[in-house]
Amino acid sequence: MNQLNLFDDERAETDSERKERERREAFERFHEANPAVYEWLRNESLSLVRNGRRRFGIWTLWGVLRWRTLKTHGDKYKLNNNHTPFYARLLMDTEPELAGLFQLRERK
């Protein structure tokens, strides 16, 4: 049994924080190994906005990309569903035209 140190300023990472960190790290590895995924999502999202869409689901784009993609690198799944919220946030953060396109859940 591990006893907490009452005088230690660092708090232990919770299970949910650990899972979130692991998901982010997995996303970062996948994103680095598969730049074409971001480029495709970016181009399709910009096309949607330029054709009048103000809201759209990242899951719809993800499904189309999964259907069209034969292979990706660095993950046991071709397109891991855990990556979608990270791509949605990255797209909206890096492309001003895409701000607000995807509805996001609040992070815990």
C-alpha atoms as a PDB file:
ATOM      1  CA  MET A   1       0.000   0.000   0.000  1.00  0.00           C
ATOM      2  CA  ASN A   2       1.311   3.456  -0.913  1.00  0.00           C
ATOM      3  CA  GLN A   3       1.042   6.129   1.705  1.00  0.00           C
ATOM      4  CA  LEU A   4       0.540   9.737   0.611  1.00  0.00           C
ATOM      5  CA  ASN A   5       3.176  12.205   1.632  1.00  0.00           C
ATOM      6  CA  LEU A   6       1.312  15.128   3.198  1.00  0.00           C
ATOM      7  CA  PHE A   7       4.286  17.430   2.719  1.00  0.00           C
ATOM      8  CA  ASP A   8       4.847  16.747  -0.962  1.00  0.00           C
ATOM      9  CA  ASP A   9       3.769  19.677  -3.171  1.00  0.00           C
ATOM     10  CA  GLU A  10       3.289  17.484  -6.217  1.00  0.00           C
ATOM     11  CA  ARG A  11      -0.057  15.778  -6.455  1.00  0.00           C
ATOM     12  CA  ALA A  12      -0.391  12.390  -8.038  1.00  0.00           C
ATOM     13  CA  GLU A  13      -1.787  12.153 -11.546  1.00  0.00           C
ATOM     14  CA  THR A  14      -5.349  10.837 -11.523  1.00  0.00           C
ATOM     15  CA  ASP A  15      -6.445   7.973 -13.774  1.00  0.00           C
ATOM     16  CA  SER A  16      -8.406  10.334 -16.027  1.00  0.00           C
ATOM     17  CA  GLU A  17      -5.431  12.713 -16.285  1.00  0.00           C
ATOM     18  CA  ARG A  18      -3.145   9.799 -17.128  1.00  0.00           C
ATOM     19  CA  LYS A  19      -5.546   8.556 -19.814  1.00  0.00           C
ATOM     20  CA  GLU A  20      -5.846  12.049 -21.304  1.00  0.00           C
ATOM     21  CA  ARG A  21      -2.042  12.436 -21.338  1.00  0.00           C
ATOM     22  CA  GLU A  22      -1.650   9.021 -22.990  1.00  0.00           C
ATOM     23  CA  ARG A  23      -4.277   9.890 -25.627  1.00  0.00           C
ATOM     24  CA  ARG A  24      -2.540  13.189 -26.358  1.00  0.00           C
ATOM     25  CA  GLU A  25       0.845  11.495 -26.663  1.00  0.00           C
ATOM     26  CA  ALA A  26      -0.619   8.835 -28.987  1.00  0.00           C
ATOM     27  CA  PHE A  27      -2.221  11.590 -31.086  1.00  0.00           C
ATOM     28  CA  GLU A  28       1.061  13.507 -31.311  1.00  0.00           C
ATOM     29  CA  ARG A  29       2.917  10.391 -32.489  1.00  0.00           C
ATOM     30  CA  PHE A  30       0.191   9.597 -35.034  1.00  0.00           C
ATOM     31  CA  HIS A  31       0.005  13.187 -36.274  1.00  0.00           C
ATOM     32  CA  GLU A  32       3.755  13.328 -36.777  1.00  0.00           C
ATOM     33  CA  ALA A  33       3.797   9.988 -38.649  1.00  0.00           C
ATOM     34  CA  ASN A  34       0.768  10.855 -40.832  1.00  0.00           C
ATOM     35  CA  PRO A  35       0.837  14.488 -41.995  1.00  0.00           C
ATOM     36  CA  ALA A  36      -1.499  13.664 -44.889  1.00  0.00           C
ATOM     37  CA  VAL A  37      -4.344  13.055 -42.420  1.00  0.00           C
ATOM     38  CA  TYR A  38      -4.191  16.653 -41.152  1.00  0.00           C
ATOM     39  CA  GLU A  39      -3.837  18.028 -44.686  1.00  0.00           C
ATOM     40  CA  TRP A  40      -6.888  16.126 -45.913  1.00  0.00           C
ATOM     41  CA  LEU A  41      -8.987  17.194 -42.913  1.00  0.00           C
ATOM     42  CA  ARG A  42      -7.813  20.787 -43.344  1.00  0.00           C
ATOM     43  CA  ASN A  43      -8.610  20.922 -47.053  1.00  0.00           C
ATOM     44  CA  GLU A  44     -12.040  19.326 -46.661  1.00  0.00           C
ATOM     45  CA  SER A  45     -12.922  21.547 -43.693  1.00  0.00           C
ATOM     46  CA  LEU A  46     -11.887  24.713 -45.531  1.00  0.00           C
ATOM     47  CA  SER A  47     -13.909  23.608 -48.541  1.00  0.00           C
ATOM     48  CA  LEU A  48     -16.983  23.128 -46.345  1.00  0.00           C
ATOM     49  CA  VAL A  49     -16.629  26.587 -44.772  1.00  0.00           C
ATOM     50  CA  ARG A  50     -16.004  28.265 -48.111  1.00  0.00           C
ATOM     51  CA  ASN A  51     -19.185  26.636 -49.415  1.00  0.00           C
ATOM     52  CA  GLY A  52     -21.283  28.066 -46.608  1.00  0.00           C
ATOM     53  CA  ARG A  53     -21.134  25.500 -43.793  1.00  0.00           C
ATOM     54  CA  ARG A  54     -20.879  27.064 -40.342  1.00  0.00           C
ATOM     55  CA  ARG A  55     -21.062  23.839 -38.292  1.00  0.00           C
ATOM     56  CA  PHE A  56     -19.966  20.344 -39.204  1.00  0.00           C
ATOM     57  CA  GLY A  57     -19.118  17.093 -37.481  1.00  0.00           C
ATOM     58  CA  ILE A  58     -15.517  15.967 -37.335  1.00  0.00           C
ATOM     59  CA  TRP A  59     -16.893  12.399 -37.163  1.00  0.00           C
ATOM     60  CA  THR A  60     -18.364  12.726 -40.649  1.00  0.00           C
ATOM     61  CA  LEU A  61     -15.020  13.782 -42.083  1.00  0.00           C
ATOM     62  CA  TRP A  62     -13.276  11.073 -40.074  1.00  0.00           C
ATOM     63  CA  GLY A  63     -15.619   8.423 -41.507  1.00  0.00           C
ATOM     64  CA  VAL A  64     -15.038   9.573 -45.093  1.00  0.00           C
ATOM     65  CA  LEU A  65     -11.285   9.617 -44.518  1.00  0.00           C
ATOM     66  CA  ARG A  66     -11.403   6.135 -42.995  1.00  0.00           C
ATOM     67  CA  TRP A  67     -13.303   4.886 -46.044  1.00  0.00           C
ATOM     68  CA  ARG A  68     -10.831   6.475 -48.482  1.00  0.00           C
ATOM     69  CA  THR A  69      -7.601   5.666 -46.642  1.00  0.00           C
ATOM     70  CA  LEU A  70      -5.842   2.389 -47.238  1.00  0.00           C
ATOM     71  CA  LYS A  71      -3.132   2.649 -44.610  1.00  0.00           C
ATOM     72  CA  THR A  72      -1.640   4.903 -41.945  1.00  0.00           C
ATOM     73  CA  HIS A  73       1.490   4.544 -39.831  1.00  0.00           C
ATOM     74  CA  GLY A  74       2.214   4.272 -36.133  1.00  0.00           C
ATOM     75  CA  ASP A  75      -1.084   3.090 -34.648  1.00  0.00           C
ATOM     76  CA  LYS A  76      -2.796  -0.266 -34.323  1.00  0.00           C
ATOM     77  CA  TYR A  77      -5.934   1.241 -35.911  1.00  0.00           C
ATOM     78  CA  LYS A  78      -5.986   2.811 -39.343  1.00  0.00           C
ATOM     79  CA  LEU A  79      -7.743   5.876 -37.881  1.00  0.00           C
ATOM     80  CA  ASN A  80      -8.137   5.745 -34.123  1.00  0.00           C
ATOM     81  CA  ASN A  81     -11.343   7.442 -32.940  1.00  0.00           C
ATOM     82  CA  ASN A  82      -9.452   8.861 -29.943  1.00  0.00           C
ATOM     83  CA  HIS A  83      -7.678  11.272 -32.307  1.00  0.00           C
ATOM     84  CA  THR A  84     -10.784  13.123 -33.540  1.00  0.00           C
ATOM     85  CA  PRO A  85     -11.081  15.680 -30.695  1.00  0.00           C
ATOM     86  CA  PHE A  86      -7.386  16.529 -31.021  1.00  0.00           C
ATOM     87  CA  TYR A  87      -7.696  17.065 -34.772  1.00  0.00           C
ATOM     88  CA  ALA A  88     -10.843  19.184 -34.338  1.00  0.00           C
ATOM     89  CA  ARG A  89      -9.086  21.435 -31.820  1.00  0.00           C
ATOM     90  CA  LEU A  90      -5.881  21.595 -33.862  1.00  0.00           C
ATOM     91  CA  LEU A  91      -7.767  22.549 -37.030  1.00  0.00           C
ATOM     92  CA  MET A  92      -9.759  25.285 -35.309  1.00  0.00           C
ATOM     93  CA  ASP A  93      -6.696  26.601 -33.465  1.00  0.00           C
ATOM     94  CA  THR A  94      -4.454  26.773 -36.542  1.00  0.00           C
ATOM     95  CA  GLU A  95      -6.939  27.806 -39.232  1.00  0.00           C
ATOM     96  CA  PRO A  96      -8.828  31.021 -38.404  1.00  0.00           C
ATOM     97  CA  GLU A  97     -11.480  30.242 -41.050  1.00  0.00           C
ATOM     98  CA  LEU A  98     -12.370  27.048 -39.172  1.00  0.00           C
ATOM     99  CA  ALA A  99     -12.948  28.641 -35.759  1.00  0.00           C
ATOM    100  CA  GLY A 100     -16.173  27.256 -34.315  1.00  0.00           C
ATOM    101  CA  LEU A 101     -16.784  24.732 -37.118  1.00  0.00           C
ATOM    102  CA  PHE A 102     -16.711  21.710 -34.826  1.00  0.00           C
ATOM    103  CA  GLN A 103     -18.656  21.354 -31.596  1.00  0.00           C
ATOM    104  CA  LEU A 104     -16.350  20.303 -28.771  1.00  0.00           C
ATOM    105  CA  ARG A 105     -16.918  18.767 -25.401  1.00  0.00           C
ATOM    106  CA  GLU A 106     -15.294  20.404 -22.433  1.00  0.00           C
ATOM    107  CA  ARG A 107     -12.093  18.714 -21.343  1.00  0.00           C
ATOM    108  CA  LYS A 108     -12.054  17.301 -17.841  1.00  0.00           C
END
